[in-house]
Amino acid sequence: MLRVAVIGSGPSGVYTAQSLVEQEAVPDIEVYVLDRLPCPYGLVRYGVAPDHEKIKSLQNNLRTVLEHPRVHFLGNVEVGARGVSLEELRKIFHAVVFCVGAATDRHLGIPGEELPGSHPATEFVAWYSAHPDAPAEGFTLGARSAVVIGVGNVAVDVARMLSRGAAELATTDMPQGALGALADSCVEDVWMVGRRGPSQAKFTTKELRELGSLPGTQVRVRPEELALDPAYRDPAELPAPLRRNVEVLRGWAERPVAMAAGVGRLRRIHLRFFLRPAELLGDEATGVRAVRFERTVPDGRGGVTGTGEFEDIEGQLVLRSVGYRGLPQPGLPFDESTGTVPHAGGRVMRDEAPYPGVYVAGWIKRGPTGVIGTNRPCAKETAAALLADAAGLARRMPAGDPAAALERAGQRPVPWRGWLAIEAAEAEWGRGLGRGTVKLPDWEGLLTAARSVMVGR
């Protein structure tokens, strides 16, 4: 039996496990999906916005794989400097596949970036998604104006969450603390700002259109900024997704959405383009108060150049969403320029030679590109490489039971039945609040629920 460890239980990890156990060429394969969290599904659980229930339902597909008789989920397993090392894993498993994603935000690299009130957008997402590593103090949302720097789907999610009414989110699994904070929010203006033009924005049209359907919210777009984009007047040559984005923005610019009558607090979402962040204004005592942007213009080569003209946009809350970056993994080579692990078809390359039995898939392999479905062919490629190496890998004789071996290495794994206990606790918690399932937002609550069924195992 070939025993494989997959590090990470998000889509790339689960698709890798699926590719390994559902093929027929090497039937004797057993996969252990390890995750630092006691919960599976990665960014599908902790990155997809709570009101995107159709995308979140992908958990059902991932669940089917994790319930396969030759796939075993073990959560609460730390891999790396503070946990089990790669060399220890190689003694327990024939092969190890890292599917750890891109775990940190890119920085703006401008003065004032670390002022109070300035946060990575992923920190805000973690908070409203009940990630147990989210800041314990959360967000109070006392700001009147919020600035979201970036024009990708995460930026759109954040802008939508800041603008959506709490009553609409009560039916989701959003944690109770975040729901209460959104109900008390003072935010009236949300500015989503990009340094380039609308034809280069990274959001999808479906996500963009959702902003125009929020009750009590008006989307505002400046025609003069859109007109700076060479593709704006005639987007026919653009790829279809970008062309549709431009068409939606043109519609908003030419026919402003009428404000609905009879609503409570009115909110405005301002979509701004050709503005590059130059400095966050404020001080340590009172926090950020505005963002200074430099106006840009197209440079004719797909980029932009600064004009030397500046504009300050008020914002007591700044959320930075300018991309992600992978982190070095202890024991693995790392390419600082790309934030990825060097590989050849998924085989980790060390000193220009394959690192025996060590593989990568997902963002740590290819960088933060694509959508959830992009992980499937990426995982298949890595699985194919591992299967081609299977005969050589099987010559080693790893340690006994993986869960017991991980415990000897200082870990306290949460098996699948522990995750099922967390699910049951979240359903019970939601019923007590008069809602549906509500996520447990902290480590203590998650582990207490998980271990309630693990006593004496």
Protein backbone atom coordinates (compact mmCIF):
# COMPACT_ATOMS: atom_id res chain seq x y z
CA MET A 1 0.00 0.00 0.00
CA LEU A 2 1.51 3.33 -1.14
CA ARG A 3 0.90 5.89 1.60
CA VAL A 4 0.76 9.58 0.57
CA ALA A 5 0.45 12.70 2.72
CA VAL A 6 -1.30 15.69 1.14
CA ILE A 7 -0.64 18.90 3.10
CA GLY A 8 -3.71 21.13 2.84
CA SER A 9 -7.40 20.26 2.53
CA GLY A 10 -8.50 23.04 0.19
CA PRO A 11 -9.46 22.35 -3.44
CA SER A 12 -5.90 21.70 -4.64
CA GLY A 13 -5.27 19.20 -1.83
CA VAL A 14 -8.60 17.41 -2.20
CA TYR A 15 -8.33 17.28 -5.99
CA THR A 16 -4.86 15.78 -5.61
CA ALA A 17 -6.24 13.12 -3.26
CA GLN A 18 -9.06 12.43 -5.69
CA SER A 19 -6.68 12.08 -8.63
CA LEU A 20 -4.62 9.56 -6.66
CA VAL A 21 -7.35 7.28 -5.35
CA GLU A 22 -9.66 7.28 -8.38
CA GLN A 23 -7.05 6.19 -10.94
CA GLU A 24 -6.64 2.50 -11.72
CA ALA A 25 -2.97 2.16 -12.67
CA VAL A 26 -1.76 2.02 -9.05
CA PRO A 27 -4.72 0.68 -7.06
CA ASP A 28 -2.99 0.29 -3.69
CA ILE A 29 -2.81 3.94 -2.62
CA GLU A 30 -3.91 5.42 0.68
CA VAL A 31 -4.01 9.22 1.08
CA TYR A 32 -3.85 11.17 4.35
CA VAL A 33 -5.01 14.78 3.94
CA LEU A 34 -3.37 16.84 6.68
CA ASP A 35 -4.44 20.35 7.63
CA ARG A 36 -3.25 22.84 10.25
CA LEU A 37 -6.90 23.62 11.05
CA PRO A 38 -9.30 21.09 12.59
CA CYS A 39 -11.70 21.85 9.70
CA PRO A 40 -11.34 20.83 6.04
CA TYR A 41 -12.03 22.69 2.76
CA GLY A 42 -9.46 25.51 3.03
CA LEU A 43 -10.52 28.72 1.30
CA VAL A 44 -13.89 27.25 0.33
CA ARG A 45 -14.76 27.39 4.03
CA TYR A 46 -12.63 30.37 5.03
CA GLY A 47 -12.31 32.49 1.88
CA VAL A 48 -15.58 32.31 -0.04
CA ALA A 49 -17.95 35.06 1.11
CA PRO A 50 -20.82 33.78 3.29
CA ASP A 51 -23.48 35.07 0.87
CA HIS A 52 -22.00 33.05 -2.02
CA GLU A 53 -23.84 29.88 -1.12
CA LYS A 54 -23.58 28.31 -4.56
CA ILE A 55 -19.76 28.43 -4.47
CA LYS A 56 -19.69 27.33 -0.84
CA SER A 57 -21.76 24.27 -1.83
CA LEU A 58 -18.56 22.99 -3.46
CA GLN A 59 -17.84 21.68 0.03
CA ASN A 60 -20.25 18.85 -0.77
CA ASN A 61 -18.05 17.73 -3.66
CA LEU A 62 -14.89 17.98 -1.56
CA ARG A 63 -16.64 16.08 1.22
CA THR A 64 -17.32 13.14 -1.10
CA VAL A 65 -13.59 12.79 -1.74
CA LEU A 66 -12.66 13.10 1.94
CA GLU A 67 -15.14 10.32 2.76
CA HIS A 68 -13.54 7.94 0.25
CA PRO A 69 -12.49 4.74 2.07
CA ARG A 70 -8.83 5.28 1.13
CA VAL A 71 -8.73 8.99 2.02
CA HIS A 72 -8.23 10.00 5.65
CA PHE A 73 -8.58 13.56 6.96
CA LEU A 74 -6.37 14.54 9.90
CA GLY A 75 -6.80 18.13 11.04
CA ASN A 76 -4.95 20.11 13.70
CA VAL A 77 -1.61 18.93 12.28
CA GLU A 78 1.06 21.63 12.07
CA VAL A 79 3.71 21.02 9.41
CA GLY A 80 6.92 23.01 9.50
CA ALA A 81 9.09 24.79 12.02
CA ARG A 82 6.48 24.68 14.81
CA GLY A 83 5.21 21.20 14.06
CA VAL A 84 6.13 17.98 12.33
CA SER A 85 9.07 18.39 9.94
CA LEU A 86 9.29 17.27 6.33
CA GLU A 87 11.91 14.69 7.27
CA GLU A 88 9.58 13.26 9.92
CA LEU A 89 6.76 13.12 7.34
CA ARG A 90 9.03 11.27 4.91
CA LYS A 91 9.53 8.60 7.58
CA ILE A 92 5.77 8.18 7.95
CA PHE A 93 4.71 8.40 4.28
CA HIS A 94 6.08 7.23 0.95
CA ALA A 95 5.36 10.64 -0.60
CA VAL A 96 4.41 14.14 0.55
CA VAL A 97 2.45 16.64 -1.58
CA PHE A 98 2.38 20.27 -0.44
CA CYS A 99 -0.88 22.06 -1.35
CA VAL A 100 -0.50 24.99 1.03
CA GLY A 101 -1.59 27.87 -1.18
CA ALA A 102 -0.32 31.45 -1.05
CA ALA A 103 -0.54 32.26 2.62
CA THR A 104 0.28 35.95 2.86
CA ASP A 105 -0.74 39.28 1.31
CA ARG A 106 1.47 41.40 -0.89
CA HIS A 107 2.44 44.74 0.61
CA LEU A 108 1.93 48.16 -0.93
CA GLY A 109 5.36 49.32 0.21
CA ILE A 110 4.22 52.90 0.88
CA PRO A 111 4.44 55.20 3.94
CA GLY A 112 1.67 54.75 6.50
CA GLU A 113 0.77 51.22 5.41
CA GLU A 114 0.93 49.94 9.00
CA LEU A 115 -1.15 52.72 10.59
CA PRO A 116 -4.02 51.65 12.86
CA GLY A 117 -7.09 51.12 10.71
CA SER A 118 -5.08 49.75 7.78
CA HIS A 119 -5.42 45.99 7.30
CA PRO A 120 -4.85 43.29 4.68
CA ALA A 121 -8.20 42.48 3.09
CA THR A 122 -7.64 38.82 3.95
CA GLU A 123 -7.71 39.77 7.65
CA PHE A 124 -11.19 41.19 7.14
CA VAL A 125 -12.22 38.10 5.15
CA ALA A 126 -10.88 35.82 7.90
CA TRP A 127 -12.93 37.74 10.47
CA TYR A 128 -16.28 37.51 8.68
CA SER A 129 -15.49 33.89 7.69
CA ALA A 130 -14.81 32.85 11.34
CA HIS A 131 -11.22 31.78 10.73
CA PRO A 132 -9.78 30.88 14.16
CA ASP A 133 -6.62 32.91 13.41
CA ALA A 134 -8.60 36.11 12.78
CA PRO A 135 -7.79 38.97 15.18
CA ALA A 136 -9.66 38.40 18.44
CA GLU A 137 -10.68 42.06 18.62
CA GLY A 138 -12.31 41.88 15.19
CA PHE A 139 -13.60 44.98 13.41
CA THR A 140 -15.94 47.54 15.00
CA LEU A 141 -16.74 49.33 11.70
CA GLY A 142 -17.05 52.76 13.25
CA ALA A 143 -15.57 54.34 10.11
CA ARG A 144 -17.81 56.47 7.92
CA SER A 145 -15.66 55.90 4.84
CA ALA A 146 -13.73 52.75 3.88
CA VAL A 147 -11.12 52.44 1.12
CA VAL A 148 -10.50 49.08 -0.55
CA ILE A 149 -7.26 49.12 -2.55
CA GLY A 150 -7.49 46.64 -5.41
CA VAL A 151 -9.98 45.60 -8.08
CA GLY A 152 -10.05 41.81 -7.90
CA ASN A 153 -12.76 39.47 -6.65
CA VAL A 154 -11.56 39.66 -3.04
CA ALA A 155 -11.85 43.45 -3.20
CA VAL A 156 -15.38 43.10 -4.59
CA ASP A 157 -16.30 40.66 -1.81
CA VAL A 158 -15.01 43.05 0.83
CA ALA A 159 -16.84 46.02 -0.68
CA ARG A 160 -20.04 43.99 -0.85
CA MET A 161 -19.78 42.81 2.76
CA LEU A 162 -19.25 46.41 3.92
CA SER A 163 -22.34 47.49 1.99
CA ARG A 164 -24.74 44.59 2.50
CA GLY A 165 -27.30 44.79 5.29
CA ALA A 166 -26.87 42.48 8.26
CA ALA A 167 -30.44 41.20 7.91
CA GLU A 168 -29.52 39.73 4.51
CA LEU A 169 -26.56 37.92 6.05
CA ALA A 170 -28.42 36.46 9.03
CA THR A 171 -29.36 33.40 6.96
CA THR A 172 -25.69 32.62 6.24
CA ASP A 173 -23.10 30.88 8.44
CA MET A 174 -21.37 34.19 9.28
CA PRO A 175 -20.22 34.21 12.91
CA GLN A 176 -22.45 36.07 15.33
CA GLY A 177 -19.82 38.66 16.29
CA ALA A 178 -19.22 39.74 12.69
CA LEU A 179 -22.95 39.83 11.99
CA GLY A 180 -23.49 42.12 14.99
CA ALA A 181 -20.65 44.42 13.93
CA LEU A 182 -22.09 44.75 10.42
CA ALA A 183 -25.50 45.52 11.91
CA ASP A 184 -23.92 48.41 13.86
CA SER A 185 -21.71 49.56 10.97
CA CYS A 186 -21.35 53.30 10.36
CA VAL A 187 -19.85 52.85 6.88
CA GLU A 188 -21.65 54.95 4.26
CA ASP A 189 -19.03 55.24 1.51
CA VAL A 190 -16.91 52.39 0.17
CA TRP A 191 -14.18 53.30 -2.31
CA MET A 192 -12.74 50.49 -4.44
CA VAL A 193 -9.66 51.80 -6.21
CA GLY A 194 -7.41 50.38 -8.94
CA ARG A 195 -4.18 51.72 -10.36
CA ARG A 196 -5.02 50.66 -13.91
CA GLY A 197 -8.13 50.82 -16.07
CA PRO A 198 -11.41 48.89 -16.22
CA SER A 199 -10.23 46.62 -19.04
CA GLN A 200 -7.44 45.32 -16.78
CA ALA A 201 -9.45 44.80 -13.59
CA LYS A 202 -9.32 41.25 -12.24
CA PHE A 203 -12.88 40.88 -10.94
CA THR A 204 -15.36 38.63 -12.72
CA THR A 205 -18.49 40.08 -14.26
CA LYS A 206 -20.81 38.07 -12.03
CA GLU A 207 -19.13 39.44 -8.90
CA LEU A 208 -19.13 42.97 -10.33
CA ARG A 209 -22.84 42.90 -11.17
CA GLU A 210 -23.69 41.89 -7.64
CA LEU A 211 -22.62 45.32 -6.44
CA GLY A 212 -25.41 46.88 -8.49
CA SER A 213 -28.10 44.71 -6.91
CA LEU A 214 -27.48 45.52 -3.24
CA PRO A 215 -30.54 47.07 -1.59
CA GLY A 216 -30.07 50.68 -0.50
CA THR A 217 -26.73 50.98 -2.28
CA GLN A 218 -25.71 53.07 -5.27
CA VAL A 219 -22.70 52.28 -7.44
CA ARG A 220 -20.89 55.34 -8.74
CA VAL A 221 -18.44 55.31 -11.64
CA ARG A 222 -16.71 58.32 -13.19
CA PRO A 223 -17.02 58.35 -17.01
CA GLU A 224 -13.88 60.46 -17.38
CA GLU A 225 -11.80 57.78 -15.64
CA LEU A 226 -13.23 54.99 -17.76
CA ALA A 227 -12.54 57.03 -20.90
CA LEU A 228 -8.80 57.01 -20.14
CA ASP A 229 -8.76 53.29 -20.93
CA PRO A 230 -7.86 52.78 -24.62
CA ALA A 231 -10.24 49.80 -24.79
CA TYR A 232 -13.17 51.62 -23.18
CA ARG A 233 -14.84 53.11 -26.26
CA ASP A 234 -14.44 49.97 -28.34
CA PRO A 235 -13.91 46.87 -26.19
CA ALA A 236 -14.58 44.48 -29.09
CA GLU A 237 -10.98 43.24 -29.16
CA LEU A 238 -10.96 42.37 -25.46
CA PRO A 239 -11.45 38.79 -24.20
CA ALA A 240 -15.14 38.21 -23.44
CA PRO A 241 -14.86 38.43 -19.62
CA LEU A 242 -13.06 41.79 -19.76
CA ARG A 243 -15.42 43.09 -22.42
CA ARG A 244 -18.41 42.28 -20.22
CA ASN A 245 -16.78 44.09 -17.29
CA VAL A 246 -16.34 47.22 -19.38
CA GLU A 247 -19.94 47.04 -20.56
CA VAL A 248 -21.26 46.80 -16.99
CA LEU A 249 -19.14 49.75 -15.90
CA ARG A 250 -20.24 51.79 -18.91
CA GLY A 251 -23.86 51.12 -18.01
CA TRP A 252 -23.32 52.41 -14.49
CA ALA A 253 -21.44 55.46 -15.71
CA GLU A 254 -24.08 56.41 -18.27
CA ARG A 255 -27.18 55.41 -16.31
CA PRO A 256 -26.56 55.84 -12.57
CA VAL A 257 -28.56 53.40 -10.50
CA ALA A 258 -31.51 55.14 -8.83
CA MET A 259 -31.48 54.96 -5.06
CA ALA A 260 -34.23 52.73 -3.74
CA ALA A 261 -36.85 54.45 -1.60
CA GLY A 262 -37.89 53.33 1.84
CA VAL A 263 -34.55 51.86 2.90
CA GLY A 264 -32.53 52.50 6.04
CA ARG A 265 -28.97 53.78 5.85
CA LEU A 266 -27.99 54.61 2.28
CA ARG A 267 -24.58 53.46 1.11
CA ARG A 268 -22.46 54.35 -1.90
CA ILE A 269 -19.83 52.20 -3.64
CA HIS A 270 -17.38 54.30 -5.64
CA LEU A 271 -15.39 52.44 -8.31
CA ARG A 272 -12.28 54.43 -9.15
CA PHE A 273 -9.57 53.75 -11.73
CA PHE A 274 -6.13 55.05 -12.69
CA LEU A 275 -5.18 55.90 -9.11
CA ARG A 276 -2.02 54.47 -7.56
CA PRO A 277 -1.67 54.48 -3.75
CA ALA A 278 1.21 56.70 -2.67
CA GLU A 279 0.74 57.17 1.08
CA LEU A 280 -1.66 56.50 3.93
CA LEU A 281 -2.31 59.68 5.89
CA GLY A 282 -2.86 59.76 9.64
CA ASP A 283 -0.93 59.06 12.83
CA GLU A 284 -0.44 56.32 15.40
CA ALA A 285 -2.75 57.99 17.91
CA THR A 286 -5.85 58.42 15.74
CA GLY A 287 -5.14 55.97 12.94
CA VAL A 288 -5.51 56.33 9.20
CA ARG A 289 -7.73 59.18 7.97
CA ALA A 290 -7.19 59.14 4.19
CA VAL A 291 -5.27 57.55 1.33
CA ARG A 292 -3.23 59.72 -1.01
CA PHE A 293 -3.34 58.44 -4.59
CA GLU A 294 -1.30 59.50 -7.59
CA ARG A 295 -3.24 59.78 -10.82
CA THR A 296 -1.94 57.48 -13.54
CA VAL A 297 -2.35 57.19 -17.30
CA PRO A 298 -1.79 54.25 -19.66
CA ASP A 299 1.82 53.92 -20.80
CA GLY A 300 0.98 52.18 -24.08
CA ARG A 301 2.59 48.91 -22.98
CA GLY A 302 -0.15 47.55 -20.75
CA GLY A 303 1.00 49.39 -17.65
CA VAL A 304 0.56 52.87 -16.24
CA THR A 305 2.75 55.81 -15.45
CA GLY A 306 2.33 58.46 -12.78
CA THR A 307 1.28 62.00 -13.64
CA GLY A 308 2.53 63.75 -10.53
CA GLU A 309 -1.04 64.76 -9.66
CA PHE A 310 -2.48 63.52 -6.37
CA GLU A 311 -5.90 63.02 -4.82
CA ASP A 312 -6.75 62.23 -1.20
CA ILE A 313 -9.69 59.90 -0.50
CA GLU A 314 -11.07 59.92 3.02
CA GLY A 315 -11.02 56.59 4.81
CA GLN A 316 -10.85 55.64 8.45
CA LEU A 317 -10.69 51.98 7.39
CA VAL A 318 -8.31 50.82 4.66
CA LEU A 319 -8.33 47.26 3.35
CA ARG A 320 -5.44 46.30 1.09
CA SER A 321 -6.22 43.70 -1.60
CA VAL A 322 -3.32 43.75 -4.05
CA GLY A 323 -2.55 40.05 -4.38
CA TYR A 324 -1.11 37.07 -2.53
CA ARG A 325 2.24 35.46 -2.13
CA GLY A 326 3.44 32.02 -1.10
CA LEU A 327 5.64 31.57 1.96
CA PRO A 328 8.80 29.45 2.22
CA GLN A 329 8.13 25.95 3.51
CA PRO A 330 10.73 24.52 5.94
CA GLY A 331 12.80 21.89 4.19
CA LEU A 332 11.74 22.94 0.67
CA PRO A 333 13.54 25.12 -1.88
CA PHE A 334 11.81 28.43 -2.57
CA ASP A 335 11.84 30.94 -5.40
CA GLU A 336 11.60 34.39 -3.79
CA SER A 337 10.86 36.10 -7.10
CA THR A 338 7.68 34.08 -7.73
CA GLY A 339 6.74 33.00 -4.21
CA THR A 340 6.59 29.37 -5.36
CA VAL A 341 8.46 26.10 -4.86
CA PRO A 342 10.62 25.15 -7.88
CA HIS A 343 9.20 22.07 -9.56
CA ALA A 344 9.04 20.08 -12.78
CA GLY A 345 5.50 18.92 -13.47
CA GLY A 346 4.79 18.90 -9.74
CA ARG A 347 8.03 17.19 -8.67
CA VAL A 348 9.91 19.47 -6.28
CA MET A 349 13.34 20.34 -7.68
CA ARG A 350 16.23 20.68 -5.25
CA ASP A 351 19.69 21.53 -6.58
CA GLU A 352 18.29 21.04 -10.09
CA ALA A 353 17.29 17.45 -9.33
CA PRO A 354 13.95 15.96 -8.18
CA TYR A 355 13.57 15.80 -4.41
CA PRO A 356 12.55 12.13 -4.02
CA GLY A 357 8.98 11.70 -2.84
CA VAL A 358 8.19 15.42 -2.47
CA TYR A 359 5.66 17.20 -4.68
CA VAL A 360 3.60 20.41 -4.94
CA ALA A 361 0.18 21.39 -6.29
CA GLY A 362 -1.98 24.51 -6.23
CA TRP A 363 -0.80 28.07 -5.67
CA ILE A 364 2.48 27.09 -4.00
CA LYS A 365 3.23 25.32 -7.29
CA ARG A 366 2.02 27.82 -9.90
CA GLY A 367 1.46 31.09 -8.01
CA PRO A 368 -1.87 32.76 -7.08
CA THR A 369 -3.58 32.39 -10.44
CA GLY A 370 -6.84 30.98 -11.72
CA VAL A 371 -10.11 30.07 -10.06
CA ILE A 372 -11.10 27.07 -7.93
CA GLY A 373 -11.50 24.86 -10.99
CA THR A 374 -7.96 25.65 -12.15
CA ASN A 375 -6.72 23.46 -9.32
CA ARG A 376 -8.12 20.31 -10.90
CA PRO A 377 -5.76 19.98 -13.91
CA CYS A 378 -2.91 21.25 -11.74
CA ALA A 379 -3.59 18.46 -9.22
CA LYS A 380 -3.89 15.84 -11.97
CA GLU A 381 -0.47 16.78 -13.33
CA THR A 382 1.14 16.40 -9.92
CA ALA A 383 -0.69 13.13 -9.23
CA ALA A 384 0.48 11.77 -12.58
CA ALA A 385 4.09 12.58 -11.68
CA LEU A 386 3.75 10.86 -8.31
CA LEU A 387 2.14 7.78 -9.85
CA ALA A 388 4.94 7.55 -12.41
CA ASP A 389 7.36 7.43 -9.49
CA ALA A 390 5.28 4.94 -7.49
CA ALA A 391 7.49 1.88 -8.01
CA GLY A 392 10.54 3.67 -6.67
CA LEU A 393 8.66 5.27 -3.80
CA ALA A 394 7.22 1.95 -2.65
CA ARG A 395 10.67 0.52 -1.96
CA ARG A 396 10.83 2.42 1.34
CA MET A 397 9.01 1.05 4.36
CA PRO A 398 7.47 3.97 6.34
CA ALA A 399 6.47 3.94 10.00
CA GLY A 400 3.24 2.33 11.28
CA ASP A 401 -0.13 3.99 11.77
CA PRO A 402 0.18 7.63 10.56
CA ALA A 403 -2.10 9.10 13.24
CA ALA A 404 -0.09 7.40 15.98
CA ALA A 405 3.19 8.44 14.36
CA LEU A 406 2.01 12.05 14.17
CA GLU A 407 1.07 11.93 17.84
CA ARG A 408 4.56 10.69 18.67
CA ALA A 409 5.83 13.71 16.72
CA GLY A 410 3.93 16.00 19.09
CA GLN A 411 0.70 16.49 17.14
CA ARG A 412 -2.90 15.92 18.28
CA PRO A 413 -4.69 15.04 15.04
CA VAL A 414 -8.43 15.65 14.66
CA PRO A 415 -9.87 12.84 12.50
CA TRP A 416 -12.94 13.03 10.28
CA ARG A 417 -15.32 12.18 13.11
CA GLY A 418 -13.90 15.16 15.01
CA TRP A 419 -14.81 17.41 12.08
CA LEU A 420 -18.32 15.92 12.04
CA ALA A 421 -18.62 16.85 15.71
CA ILE A 422 -17.65 20.44 14.84
CA GLU A 423 -20.36 20.49 12.17
CA ALA A 424 -22.93 19.27 14.69
CA ALA A 425 -21.83 21.88 17.25
CA GLU A 426 -22.13 24.67 14.68
CA ALA A 427 -25.63 23.54 13.73
CA GLU A 428 -26.63 23.45 17.40
CA TRP A 429 -25.08 26.88 18.02
CA GLY A 430 -27.06 28.32 15.10
CA ARG A 431 -30.34 26.85 16.32
CA GLY A 432 -29.76 28.47 19.71
CA LEU A 433 -29.39 31.83 17.97
CA GLY A 434 -32.49 31.36 15.85
CA ARG A 435 -30.36 31.03 12.72
CA GLY A 436 -29.09 28.21 10.52
CA THR A 437 -25.62 26.79 10.96
CA VAL A 438 -23.27 29.40 12.48
CA LYS A 439 -19.51 28.91 12.44
CA LEU A 440 -17.50 28.61 15.63
CA PRO A 441 -14.90 31.40 15.37
CA ASP A 442 -12.13 30.32 17.75
CA TRP A 443 -9.67 27.50 18.31
CA GLU A 444 -11.03 26.62 21.73
CA GLY A 445 -14.58 26.15 20.50
CA LEU A 446 -13.50 24.10 17.48
CA LEU A 447 -11.17 21.79 19.41
CA THR A 448 -13.61 21.35 22.30
CA ALA A 449 -16.28 20.23 19.85
CA ALA A 450 -13.89 17.94 17.98
CA ARG A 451 -12.53 16.25 21.10
CA SER A 452 -15.97 15.61 22.51
CA VAL A 453 -16.07 12.46 20.35
CA MET A 454 -12.39 11.55 20.65
CA VAL A 455 -12.15 10.73 24.35
CA GLY A 456 -10.44 7.42 24.95
CA ARG A 457 -9.58 6.72 21.33
